[in-house]
Amino acid sequence: MVEVILRASFFFLMIALAYALKKVGVLKRSDAETLGRIIMNITLPAAILVSFRTYEFNASMLLLTFVGLISPIIMISIGYLISRGKNREQRIFYMLNLPAYNIGNFTLPFVSGFLGAIGTVSTCLFDMGNAFMCVGGNLVFTELAVDGRKEGRSIPRSLLTVFTKPSFTIYVTMMVLSIIGIKLPDFVFDFAASISPANGIIAMFMIGIMFEFTFSKENLKEVLIVNGLRLAIACAIAYFFYCMTDFSYDIRKAAAITAFAPISSAAGAFCQELNGNQELEGFVSTTSIILSLIIIPVLLMVL
């Protein structure tokens, strides 16, 4: 337990350090975009690759991918229903923020740091399903709901953009290789292992740079609804995997923790693209990160 507290504290301190450096002008908010590109194209793919080094394919674990896919679909459907009759900005807010998980840049560093390779693979499999919606599906369905169909953007075309993401491509490639029994040479894993430790540090710095303490009394109700629904669904997913499946302890624990990932940073970019309420988006993202920063270390200690 002491080790969990110490390592979780280090994550907190890295986020706080990045936030402080931003406030004194050493770092800028735009630096988060650069760090995000490094994570998505270099350190995160390396971390995923390393996690597959000792992985043996088990078809039952694809349940993680299925839940990772179906839960955002359920959540965006809830967002669609509860926002009917509301104004355009509110519809964008509910439909973009209810179904989005920030797994790769937030949850994965925690899991890889505490639960090892099998926990990392479990989180990656969940994120494989989540990625279809997170990197394109949410935007497409939200845009259809608020603006109708637009020329040049189809649902299949938008969802296929997921294959342009190195992290997702690594997921799929390594899973296929595991299924057919092909192992990559050790030097490939050794090279990735020299890069992957940087993922957690860079991810925490990126979160710290993006972090904003904002409060708006007028928007408090919407923020409470979104975070409350996300937590309720997370509890249901965590209970299902931890108490109702026969997976090993590390897999069940990783799945339970992953369910409490904060709102995806992509939701902010999508909100900007659709001309949504940026202040409200920043408010809900900040509160979501705070909740996850509290809940995930607690789960690591008590589960």
C-alpha atoms as a PDB file:
ATOM      1  CA  MET A   1       0.000   0.000   0.000  1.00  0.00           C
ATOM      2  CA  VAL A   2       2.865   2.377   0.793  1.00  0.00           C
ATOM      3  CA  GLU A   3       4.310   1.782  -2.679  1.00  0.00           C
ATOM      4  CA  VAL A   4       0.962   2.583  -4.313  1.00  0.00           C
ATOM      5  CA  ILE A   5       0.653   5.808  -2.328  1.00  0.00           C
ATOM      6  CA  LEU A   6       4.209   6.834  -3.194  1.00  0.00           C
ATOM      7  CA  ARG A   7       3.900   6.133  -6.917  1.00  0.00           C
ATOM      8  CA  ALA A   8       0.490   7.775  -7.118  1.00  0.00           C
ATOM      9  CA  SER A   9       1.979  10.782  -5.329  1.00  0.00           C
ATOM     10  CA  PHE A  10       4.690  10.976  -7.967  1.00  0.00           C
ATOM     11  CA  PHE A  11       2.000  11.162 -10.664  1.00  0.00           C
ATOM     12  CA  PHE A  12       0.267  13.960  -8.751  1.00  0.00           C
ATOM     13  CA  LEU A  13       3.558  15.827  -8.328  1.00  0.00           C
ATOM     14  CA  MET A  14       4.387  15.599 -12.037  1.00  0.00           C
ATOM     15  CA  ILE A  15       0.979  17.025 -12.927  1.00  0.00           C
ATOM     16  CA  ALA A  16       1.389  19.773 -10.313  1.00  0.00           C
ATOM     17  CA  LEU A  17       4.904  20.590 -11.560  1.00  0.00           C
ATOM     18  CA  ALA A  18       3.729  20.933 -15.167  1.00  0.00           C
ATOM     19  CA  TYR A  19       0.802  23.108 -14.060  1.00  0.00           C
ATOM     20  CA  ALA A  20       3.128  25.339 -12.012  1.00  0.00           C
ATOM     21  CA  LEU A  21       5.591  25.683 -14.892  1.00  0.00           C
ATOM     22  CA  LYS A  22       2.720  26.736 -17.133  1.00  0.00           C
ATOM     23  CA  LYS A  23       1.575  29.346 -14.634  1.00  0.00           C
ATOM     24  CA  VAL A  24       5.046  30.916 -14.382  1.00  0.00           C
ATOM     25  CA  GLY A  25       5.453  30.975 -18.155  1.00  0.00           C
ATOM     26  CA  VAL A  26       8.075  28.258 -18.603  1.00  0.00           C
ATOM     27  CA  LEU A  27       5.553  26.067 -20.449  1.00  0.00           C
ATOM     28  CA  LYS A  28       2.621  27.099 -22.644  1.00  0.00           C
ATOM     29  CA  ARG A  29      -0.715  25.416 -23.235  1.00  0.00           C
ATOM     30  CA  SER A  30       0.320  24.867 -26.848  1.00  0.00           C
ATOM     31  CA  ASP A  31       3.151  22.641 -25.555  1.00  0.00           C
ATOM     32  CA  ALA A  32       0.486  20.090 -24.630  1.00  0.00           C
ATOM     33  CA  GLU A  33      -0.207  19.567 -28.331  1.00  0.00           C
ATOM     34  CA  THR A  34       3.459  18.744 -28.968  1.00  0.00           C
ATOM     35  CA  LEU A  35       3.576  16.355 -26.026  1.00  0.00           C
ATOM     36  CA  GLY A  36       0.331  14.784 -27.224  1.00  0.00           C
ATOM     37  CA  ARG A  37       1.850  14.079 -30.629  1.00  0.00           C
ATOM     38  CA  ILE A  38       4.919  12.520 -29.003  1.00  0.00           C
ATOM     39  CA  ILE A  39       2.693  10.315 -26.855  1.00  0.00           C
ATOM     40  CA  MET A  40       0.346   9.198 -29.621  1.00  0.00           C
ATOM     41  CA  ASN A  41       3.075   8.563 -32.201  1.00  0.00           C
ATOM     42  CA  ILE A  42       6.068   7.388 -30.151  1.00  0.00           C
ATOM     43  CA  THR A  43       5.837   6.614 -26.435  1.00  0.00           C
ATOM     44  CA  LEU A  44       2.334   5.127 -26.284  1.00  0.00           C
ATOM     45  CA  PRO A  45       2.867   2.762 -29.248  1.00  0.00           C
ATOM     46  CA  ALA A  46       6.146   1.696 -27.596  1.00  0.00           C
ATOM     47  CA  ALA A  47       4.386   1.021 -24.276  1.00  0.00           C
ATOM     48  CA  ILE A  48       1.712  -1.019 -26.035  1.00  0.00           C
ATOM     49  CA  LEU A  49       4.317  -2.995 -27.961  1.00  0.00           C
ATOM     50  CA  VAL A  50       6.246  -3.856 -24.784  1.00  0.00           C
ATOM     51  CA  SER A  51       3.063  -5.018 -23.055  1.00  0.00           C
ATOM     52  CA  PHE A  52       2.602  -7.694 -25.740  1.00  0.00           C
ATOM     53  CA  ARG A  53       6.061  -9.165 -25.197  1.00  0.00           C
ATOM     54  CA  THR A  54       4.821 -11.998 -22.985  1.00  0.00           C
ATOM     55  CA  TYR A  55       1.154 -11.926 -23.996  1.00  0.00           C
ATOM     56  CA  GLU A  56      -0.521 -15.178 -24.987  1.00  0.00           C
ATOM     57  CA  PHE A  57      -3.756 -14.790 -26.928  1.00  0.00           C
ATOM     58  CA  ASN A  58      -6.930 -15.665 -25.068  1.00  0.00           C
ATOM     59  CA  ALA A  59     -10.145 -15.212 -27.059  1.00  0.00           C
ATOM     60  CA  SER A  60     -12.139 -14.583 -23.888  1.00  0.00           C
ATOM     61  CA  MET A  61     -10.198 -11.350 -23.342  1.00  0.00           C
ATOM     62  CA  LEU A  62     -11.863  -9.873 -26.421  1.00  0.00           C
ATOM     63  CA  LEU A  63     -14.769  -9.280 -24.038  1.00  0.00           C
ATOM     64  CA  LEU A  64     -12.736  -6.267 -22.882  1.00  0.00           C
ATOM     65  CA  THR A  65     -12.719  -4.888 -26.428  1.00  0.00           C
ATOM     66  CA  PHE A  66     -16.434  -5.504 -26.816  1.00  0.00           C
ATOM     67  CA  VAL A  67     -17.265  -3.650 -23.608  1.00  0.00           C
ATOM     68  CA  GLY A  68     -14.858  -0.879 -24.609  1.00  0.00           C
ATOM     69  CA  LEU A  69     -16.826  -0.486 -27.833  1.00  0.00           C
ATOM     70  CA  ILE A  70     -20.388  -0.931 -26.618  1.00  0.00           C
ATOM     71  CA  SER A  71     -20.160   1.273 -23.515  1.00  0.00           C
ATOM     72  CA  PRO A  72     -19.399   4.505 -25.448  1.00  0.00           C
ATOM     73  CA  ILE A  73     -22.235   3.669 -27.842  1.00  0.00           C
ATOM     74  CA  ILE A  74     -24.622   3.299 -24.904  1.00  0.00           C
ATOM     75  CA  MET A  75     -23.311   6.483 -23.316  1.00  0.00           C
ATOM     76  CA  ILE A  76     -23.628   8.618 -26.456  1.00  0.00           C
ATOM     77  CA  SER A  77     -27.169   7.262 -26.856  1.00  0.00           C
ATOM     78  CA  ILE A  78     -27.933   8.413 -23.317  1.00  0.00           C
ATOM     79  CA  GLY A  79     -26.418  11.794 -24.166  1.00  0.00           C
ATOM     80  CA  TYR A  80     -28.624  12.002 -27.241  1.00  0.00           C
ATOM     81  CA  LEU A  81     -31.783  11.195 -25.283  1.00  0.00           C
ATOM     82  CA  ILE A  82     -31.249  13.467 -22.280  1.00  0.00           C
ATOM     83  CA  SER A  83     -30.237  16.407 -24.480  1.00  0.00           C
ATOM     84  CA  ARG A  84     -33.295  16.276 -26.734  1.00  0.00           C
ATOM     85  CA  GLY A  85     -35.056  19.619 -26.656  1.00  0.00           C
ATOM     86  CA  LYS A  86     -31.956  21.415 -25.345  1.00  0.00           C
ATOM     87  CA  ASN A  87     -29.985  24.010 -27.295  1.00  0.00           C
ATOM     88  CA  ARG A  88     -27.174  23.141 -29.716  1.00  0.00           C
ATOM     89  CA  GLU A  89     -24.320  23.783 -27.261  1.00  0.00           C
ATOM     90  CA  GLN A  90     -25.893  21.564 -24.620  1.00  0.00           C
ATOM     91  CA  ARG A  91     -26.416  18.744 -27.113  1.00  0.00           C
ATOM     92  CA  ILE A  92     -22.771  18.941 -28.154  1.00  0.00           C
ATOM     93  CA  PHE A  93     -21.720  18.951 -24.515  1.00  0.00           C
ATOM     94  CA  TYR A  94     -23.656  15.833 -23.511  1.00  0.00           C
ATOM     95  CA  MET A  95     -22.956  13.794 -26.635  1.00  0.00           C
ATOM     96  CA  LEU A  96     -19.220  14.483 -26.730  1.00  0.00           C
ATOM     97  CA  ASN A  97     -18.417  14.145 -23.033  1.00  0.00           C
ATOM     98  CA  LEU A  98     -20.519  11.231 -21.832  1.00  0.00           C
ATOM     99  CA  PRO A  99     -18.920   8.546 -24.039  1.00  0.00           C
ATOM    100  CA  ALA A 100     -15.272   9.649 -24.189  1.00  0.00           C
ATOM    101  CA  TYR A 101     -12.447   7.808 -22.345  1.00  0.00           C
ATOM    102  CA  ASN A 102      -8.905   9.148 -21.992  1.00  0.00           C
ATOM    103  CA  ILE A 103      -7.219   5.779 -21.598  1.00  0.00           C
ATOM    104  CA  GLY A 104      -3.953   5.971 -23.528  1.00  0.00           C
ATOM    105  CA  ASN A 105      -2.713   9.271 -22.098  1.00  0.00           C
ATOM    106  CA  PHE A 106      -4.112   8.958 -18.574  1.00  0.00           C
ATOM    107  CA  THR A 107      -5.120   5.499 -17.378  1.00  0.00           C
ATOM    108  CA  LEU A 108      -2.478   3.441 -19.173  1.00  0.00           C
ATOM    109  CA  PRO A 109       0.467   5.060 -17.320  1.00  0.00           C
ATOM    110  CA  PHE A 110      -1.184   4.147 -14.002  1.00  0.00           C
ATOM    111  CA  VAL A 111      -1.941   0.584 -15.070  1.00  0.00           C
ATOM    112  CA  SER A 112       1.461  -0.066 -16.656  1.00  0.00           C
ATOM    113  CA  GLY A 113       3.192   1.354 -13.607  1.00  0.00           C
ATOM    114  CA  PHE A 114       1.293  -0.761 -11.083  1.00  0.00           C
ATOM    115  CA  LEU A 115      -0.109  -3.875 -12.790  1.00  0.00           C
ATOM    116  CA  GLY A 116       2.585  -4.911 -15.260  1.00  0.00           C
ATOM    117  CA  ALA A 117       2.256  -6.410 -18.726  1.00  0.00           C
ATOM    118  CA  ILE A 118      -1.012  -8.343 -18.334  1.00  0.00           C
ATOM    119  CA  GLY A 119      -2.764  -5.330 -16.829  1.00  0.00           C
ATOM    120  CA  THR A 120      -1.434  -3.132 -19.619  1.00  0.00           C
ATOM    121  CA  VAL A 121      -2.677  -5.515 -22.307  1.00  0.00           C
ATOM    122  CA  SER A 122      -6.095  -5.628 -20.628  1.00  0.00           C
ATOM    123  CA  THR A 123      -6.341  -1.844 -20.678  1.00  0.00           C
ATOM    124  CA  CYS A 124      -5.153  -1.777 -24.290  1.00  0.00           C
ATOM    125  CA  LEU A 125      -7.832  -4.266 -25.309  1.00  0.00           C
ATOM    126  CA  PHE A 126     -10.511  -2.122 -23.656  1.00  0.00           C
ATOM    127  CA  ASP A 127      -9.102   0.949 -25.415  1.00  0.00           C
ATOM    128  CA  MET A 128      -9.136  -0.855 -28.755  1.00  0.00           C
ATOM    129  CA  GLY A 129     -12.921  -0.894 -28.608  1.00  0.00           C
ATOM    130  CA  ASN A 130     -13.116   2.611 -27.166  1.00  0.00           C
ATOM    131  CA  ALA A 131     -10.899   4.019 -29.936  1.00  0.00           C
ATOM    132  CA  PHE A 132     -13.494   3.499 -32.678  1.00  0.00           C
ATOM    133  CA  MET A 133     -15.794   5.980 -30.992  1.00  0.00           C
ATOM    134  CA  CYS A 134     -13.215   8.162 -29.270  1.00  0.00           C
ATOM    135  CA  VAL A 135     -11.223   9.230 -32.333  1.00  0.00           C
ATOM    136  CA  GLY A 136     -14.073   9.675 -34.799  1.00  0.00           C
ATOM    137  CA  GLY A 137     -17.397   8.121 -33.965  1.00  0.00           C
ATOM    138  CA  ASN A 138     -18.347  10.622 -31.259  1.00  0.00           C
ATOM    139  CA  LEU A 139     -17.768  13.549 -33.588  1.00  0.00           C
ATOM    140  CA  VAL A 140     -19.692  11.989 -36.470  1.00  0.00           C
ATOM    141  CA  PHE A 141     -22.772  11.042 -34.442  1.00  0.00           C
ATOM    142  CA  THR A 142     -22.816  14.350 -32.547  1.00  0.00           C
ATOM    143  CA  GLU A 143     -22.550  16.326 -35.766  1.00  0.00           C
ATOM    144  CA  LEU A 144     -25.390  14.319 -37.297  1.00  0.00           C
ATOM    145  CA  ALA A 145     -27.544  15.013 -34.242  1.00  0.00           C
ATOM    146  CA  VAL A 146     -26.953  18.771 -34.092  1.00  0.00           C
ATOM    147  CA  ASP A 147     -26.364  19.741 -37.734  1.00  0.00           C
ATOM    148  CA  GLY A 148     -27.606  16.868 -39.868  1.00  0.00           C
ATOM    149  CA  ARG A 149     -25.640  15.050 -42.553  1.00  0.00           C
ATOM    150  CA  LYS A 150     -22.905  17.060 -44.272  1.00  0.00           C
ATOM    151  CA  GLU A 151     -21.351  16.429 -47.644  1.00  0.00           C
ATOM    152  CA  GLY A 152     -17.898  14.849 -47.567  1.00  0.00           C
ATOM    153  CA  ARG A 153     -18.190  13.222 -44.135  1.00  0.00           C
ATOM    154  CA  SER A 154     -19.638   9.721 -43.903  1.00  0.00           C
ATOM    155  CA  ILE A 155     -19.809   7.556 -40.813  1.00  0.00           C
ATOM    156  CA  PRO A 156     -17.713   4.682 -42.260  1.00  0.00           C
ATOM    157  CA  ARG A 157     -15.086   7.073 -43.622  1.00  0.00           C
ATOM    158  CA  SER A 158     -14.748   8.883 -40.313  1.00  0.00           C
ATOM    159  CA  LEU A 159     -14.547   5.676 -38.288  1.00  0.00           C
ATOM    160  CA  LEU A 160     -11.850   4.298 -40.594  1.00  0.00           C
ATOM    161  CA  THR A 161      -9.580   7.171 -39.554  1.00  0.00           C
ATOM    162  CA  VAL A 162      -8.901   5.121 -36.431  1.00  0.00           C
ATOM    163  CA  PHE A 163      -6.484   3.061 -38.545  1.00  0.00           C
ATOM    164  CA  THR A 164      -4.332   6.150 -39.107  1.00  0.00           C
ATOM    165  CA  LYS A 165      -3.559   6.212 -35.373  1.00  0.00           C
ATOM    166  CA  PRO A 166      -0.261   4.416 -34.578  1.00  0.00           C
ATOM    167  CA  SER A 167      -1.506   3.235 -31.186  1.00  0.00           C
ATOM    168  CA  PHE A 168      -4.565   1.531 -32.631  1.00  0.00           C
ATOM    169  CA  THR A 169      -2.535   0.054 -35.470  1.00  0.00           C
ATOM    170  CA  ILE A 170      -0.123  -1.432 -32.911  1.00  0.00           C
ATOM    171  CA  TYR A 171      -3.076  -2.892 -30.952  1.00  0.00           C
ATOM    172  CA  VAL A 172      -4.471  -4.613 -34.012  1.00  0.00           C
ATOM    173  CA  THR A 173      -1.121  -5.742 -35.429  1.00  0.00           C
ATOM    174  CA  MET A 174       0.096  -7.257 -32.169  1.00  0.00           C
ATOM    175  CA  MET A 175      -3.245  -8.935 -31.552  1.00  0.00           C
ATOM    176  CA  VAL A 176      -3.194 -10.527 -35.018  1.00  0.00           C
ATOM    177  CA  LEU A 177       0.404 -11.677 -34.525  1.00  0.00           C
ATOM    178  CA  SER A 178      -0.544 -13.143 -31.136  1.00  0.00           C
ATOM    179  CA  ILE A 179      -3.490 -15.012 -32.640  1.00  0.00           C
ATOM    180  CA  ILE A 180      -1.394 -16.601 -35.389  1.00  0.00           C
ATOM    181  CA  GLY A 181       1.512 -17.286 -33.037  1.00  0.00           C
ATOM    182  CA  ILE A 182       4.184 -15.004 -34.516  1.00  0.00           C
ATOM    183  CA  LYS A 183       6.686 -13.430 -32.105  1.00  0.00           C
ATOM    184  CA  LEU A 184       8.669 -10.339 -33.021  1.00  0.00           C
ATOM    185  CA  PRO A 185      12.461 -10.408 -32.528  1.00  0.00           C
ATOM    186  CA  ASP A 186      13.695  -9.478 -29.062  1.00  0.00           C
ATOM    187  CA  PHE A 187      15.534  -6.394 -30.315  1.00  0.00           C
ATOM    188  CA  VAL A 188      12.188  -4.862 -31.357  1.00  0.00           C
ATOM    189  CA  PHE A 189      10.842  -5.217 -27.821  1.00  0.00           C
ATOM    190  CA  ASP A 190      14.180  -4.090 -26.342  1.00  0.00           C
ATOM    191  CA  PHE A 191      14.106  -0.902 -28.416  1.00  0.00           C
ATOM    192  CA  ALA A 192      10.477  -0.205 -27.464  1.00  0.00           C
ATOM    193  CA  ALA A 193      11.326  -0.883 -23.815  1.00  0.00           C
ATOM    194  CA  SER A 194      13.943   1.886 -23.924  1.00  0.00           C
ATOM    195  CA  ILE A 195      11.237   4.370 -24.984  1.00  0.00           C
ATOM    196  CA  SER A 196       8.118   3.236 -23.127  1.00  0.00           C
ATOM    197  CA  PRO A 197       9.096   4.452 -19.602  1.00  0.00           C
ATOM    198  CA  ALA A 198       8.826   8.028 -20.880  1.00  0.00           C
ATOM    199  CA  ASN A 199       5.122   7.581 -21.641  1.00  0.00           C
ATOM    200  CA  GLY A 200       3.905   8.030 -18.069  1.00  0.00           C
ATOM    201  CA  ILE A 201       6.076  11.086 -17.424  1.00  0.00           C
ATOM    202  CA  ILE A 202       5.143  12.851 -20.652  1.00  0.00           C
ATOM    203  CA  ALA A 203       1.458  11.982 -20.212  1.00  0.00           C
ATOM    204  CA  MET A 204       1.358  13.468 -16.703  1.00  0.00           C
ATOM    205  CA  PHE A 205       3.123  16.617 -17.920  1.00  0.00           C
ATOM    206  CA  MET A 206       0.636  16.965 -20.761  1.00  0.00           C
ATOM    207  CA  ILE A 207      -2.280  16.644 -18.334  1.00  0.00           C
ATOM    208  CA  GLY A 208      -0.709  19.235 -16.041  1.00  0.00           C
ATOM    209  CA  ILE A 209      -0.324  21.707 -18.899  1.00  0.00           C
ATOM    210  CA  MET A 210      -3.931  21.188 -19.993  1.00  0.00           C
ATOM    211  CA  PHE A 211      -5.231  21.424 -16.432  1.00  0.00           C
ATOM    212  CA  GLU A 212      -7.357  24.499 -15.670  1.00  0.00           C
ATOM    213  CA  PHE A 213      -9.119  25.462 -12.462  1.00  0.00           C
ATOM    214  CA  THR A 214     -12.370  26.904 -13.737  1.00  0.00           C
ATOM    215  CA  PHE A 215     -15.741  27.219 -12.052  1.00  0.00           C
ATOM    216  CA  SER A 216     -19.066  28.352 -13.408  1.00  0.00           C
ATOM    217  CA  LYS A 217     -22.109  28.193 -11.144  1.00  0.00           C
ATOM    218  CA  GLU A 218     -24.446  28.371 -14.153  1.00  0.00           C
ATOM    219  CA  ASN A 219     -22.919  25.226 -15.684  1.00  0.00           C
ATOM    220  CA  LEU A 220     -22.609  23.253 -12.463  1.00  0.00           C
ATOM    221  CA  LYS A 221     -25.767  21.218 -13.066  1.00  0.00           C
ATOM    222  CA  GLU A 222     -24.629  19.970 -16.490  1.00  0.00           C
ATOM    223  CA  VAL A 223     -21.180  19.083 -15.173  1.00  0.00           C
ATOM    224  CA  LEU A 224     -22.661  17.168 -12.235  1.00  0.00           C
ATOM    225  CA  ILE A 225     -25.005  15.245 -14.550  1.00  0.00           C
ATOM    226  CA  VAL A 226     -22.216  14.207 -16.938  1.00  0.00           C
ATOM    227  CA  ASN A 227     -19.785  13.188 -14.205  1.00  0.00           C
ATOM    228  CA  GLY A 228     -22.533  11.467 -12.225  1.00  0.00           C
ATOM    229  CA  LEU A 229     -23.645   9.378 -15.205  1.00  0.00           C
ATOM    230  CA  ARG A 230     -20.059   8.530 -16.127  1.00  0.00           C
ATOM    231  CA  LEU A 231     -19.345   7.362 -12.578  1.00  0.00           C
ATOM    232  CA  ALA A 232     -22.536   5.285 -12.462  1.00  0.00           C
ATOM    233  CA  ILE A 233     -21.648   3.509 -15.707  1.00  0.00           C
ATOM    234  CA  ALA A 234     -18.033   3.093 -14.577  1.00  0.00           C
ATOM    235  CA  CYS A 235     -19.227   1.427 -11.371  1.00  0.00           C
ATOM    236  CA  ALA A 236     -21.375  -0.973 -13.378  1.00  0.00           C
ATOM    237  CA  ILE A 237     -18.498  -1.888 -15.725  1.00  0.00           C
ATOM    238  CA  ALA A 238     -16.052  -2.270 -12.832  1.00  0.00           C
ATOM    239  CA  TYR A 239     -18.476  -4.470 -10.882  1.00  0.00           C
ATOM    240  CA  PHE A 240     -19.116  -6.637 -13.938  1.00  0.00           C
ATOM    241  CA  PHE A 241     -15.448  -7.330 -14.651  1.00  0.00           C
ATOM    242  CA  TYR A 242     -14.236  -7.559 -11.060  1.00  0.00           C
ATOM    243  CA  CYS A 243     -17.072  -9.583  -9.554  1.00  0.00           C
ATOM    244  CA  MET A 244     -18.750 -11.440 -12.415  1.00  0.00           C
ATOM    245  CA  THR A 245     -15.947 -12.680 -14.687  1.00  0.00           C
ATOM    246  CA  ASP A 246     -13.413 -15.481 -14.310  1.00  0.00           C
ATOM    247  CA  PHE A 247     -10.394 -13.513 -15.509  1.00  0.00           C
ATOM    248  CA  SER A 248      -7.242 -13.462 -13.421  1.00  0.00           C
ATOM    249  CA  TYR A 249      -6.926 -10.925 -10.611  1.00  0.00           C
ATOM    250  CA  ASP A 250      -4.673  -8.524 -12.561  1.00  0.00           C
ATOM    251  CA  ILE A 251      -7.025  -8.490 -15.562  1.00  0.00           C
ATOM    252  CA  ARG A 252     -10.114  -7.880 -13.421  1.00  0.00           C
ATOM    253  CA  LYS A 253      -8.368  -5.115 -11.507  1.00  0.00           C
ATOM    254  CA  ALA A 254      -7.089  -3.434 -14.668  1.00  0.00           C
ATOM    255  CA  ALA A 255     -10.549  -3.521 -16.265  1.00  0.00           C
ATOM    256  CA  ALA A 256     -12.172  -2.068 -13.143  1.00  0.00           C
ATOM    257  CA  ILE A 257      -9.654   0.770 -12.997  1.00  0.00           C
ATOM    258  CA  THR A 258      -9.901   1.518 -16.728  1.00  0.00           C
ATOM    259  CA  ALA A 259     -13.649   2.067 -16.392  1.00  0.00           C
ATOM    260  CA  PHE A 260     -12.895   5.208 -14.359  1.00  0.00           C
ATOM    261  CA  ALA A 261     -10.789   6.899 -17.039  1.00  0.00           C
ATOM    262  CA  PRO A 262     -11.513  10.632 -17.396  1.00  0.00           C
ATOM    263  CA  ILE A 263     -13.067  12.366 -20.385  1.00  0.00           C
ATOM    264  CA  SER A 264     -10.958  12.095 -23.516  1.00  0.00           C
ATOM    265  CA  SER A 265      -8.896  15.105 -24.543  1.00  0.00           C
ATOM    266  CA  ALA A 266     -10.281  14.549 -28.053  1.00  0.00           C
ATOM    267  CA  ALA A 267     -13.661  15.753 -26.772  1.00  0.00           C
ATOM    268  CA  GLY A 268     -12.201  19.244 -26.382  1.00  0.00           C
ATOM    269  CA  ALA A 269     -10.913  19.269 -29.954  1.00  0.00           C
ATOM    270  CA  PHE A 270     -14.268  18.022 -31.249  1.00  0.00           C
ATOM    271  CA  CYS A 271     -16.100  20.650 -29.202  1.00  0.00           C
ATOM    272  CA  GLN A 272     -13.974  23.348 -30.789  1.00  0.00           C
ATOM    273  CA  GLU A 273     -14.588  21.938 -34.262  1.00  0.00           C
ATOM    274  CA  LEU A 274     -18.362  22.037 -33.719  1.00  0.00           C
ATOM    275  CA  ASN A 275     -18.229  25.513 -32.103  1.00  0.00           C
ATOM    276  CA  GLY A 276     -19.468  24.246 -28.748  1.00  0.00           C
ATOM    277  CA  ASN A 277     -19.142  25.880 -25.338  1.00  0.00           C
ATOM    278  CA  GLN A 278     -15.376  25.917 -24.657  1.00  0.00           C
ATOM    279  CA  GLU A 279     -15.707  27.184 -21.077  1.00  0.00           C
ATOM    280  CA  LEU A 280     -18.123  24.410 -20.182  1.00  0.00           C
ATOM    281  CA  GLU A 281     -15.874  21.872 -21.897  1.00  0.00           C
ATOM    282  CA  GLY A 282     -12.880  22.987 -19.846  1.00  0.00           C
ATOM    283  CA  PHE A 283     -14.913  22.849 -16.633  1.00  0.00           C
ATOM    284  CA  VAL A 284     -16.153  19.295 -17.142  1.00  0.00           C
ATOM    285  CA  SER A 285     -12.743  18.035 -18.328  1.00  0.00           C
ATOM    286  CA  THR A 286     -10.998  19.451 -15.267  1.00  0.00           C
ATOM    287  CA  THR A 287     -13.500  17.952 -12.817  1.00  0.00           C
ATOM    288  CA  SER A 288     -13.342  14.611 -14.623  1.00  0.00           C
ATOM    289  CA  ILE A 289      -9.539  14.512 -14.308  1.00  0.00           C
ATOM    290  CA  ILE A 290      -9.715  15.424 -10.617  1.00  0.00           C
ATOM    291  CA  LEU A 291     -12.196  12.608  -9.964  1.00  0.00           C
ATOM    292  CA  SER A 292     -10.030  10.080 -11.794  1.00  0.00           C
ATOM    293  CA  LEU A 293      -6.905  11.259  -9.981  1.00  0.00           C
ATOM    294  CA  ILE A 294      -8.694  10.471  -6.714  1.00  0.00           C
ATOM    295  CA  ILE A 295     -10.552   7.291  -7.661  1.00  0.00           C
ATOM    296  CA  ILE A 296      -7.868   5.383  -9.583  1.00  0.00           C
ATOM    297  CA  PRO A 297      -5.171   5.472  -6.856  1.00  0.00           C
ATOM    298  CA  VAL A 298      -7.805   4.482  -4.285  1.00  0.00           C
ATOM    299  CA  LEU A 299      -8.842   1.499  -6.428  1.00  0.00           C
ATOM    300  CA  LEU A 300      -5.201   0.505  -6.832  1.00  0.00           C
ATOM    301  CA  MET A 301      -4.927   0.340  -3.054  1.00  0.00           C
ATOM    302  CA  VAL A 302      -8.230  -1.312  -2.121  1.00  0.00           C
ATOM    303  CA  LEU A 303      -8.847  -3.830  -4.901  1.00  0.00           C
END
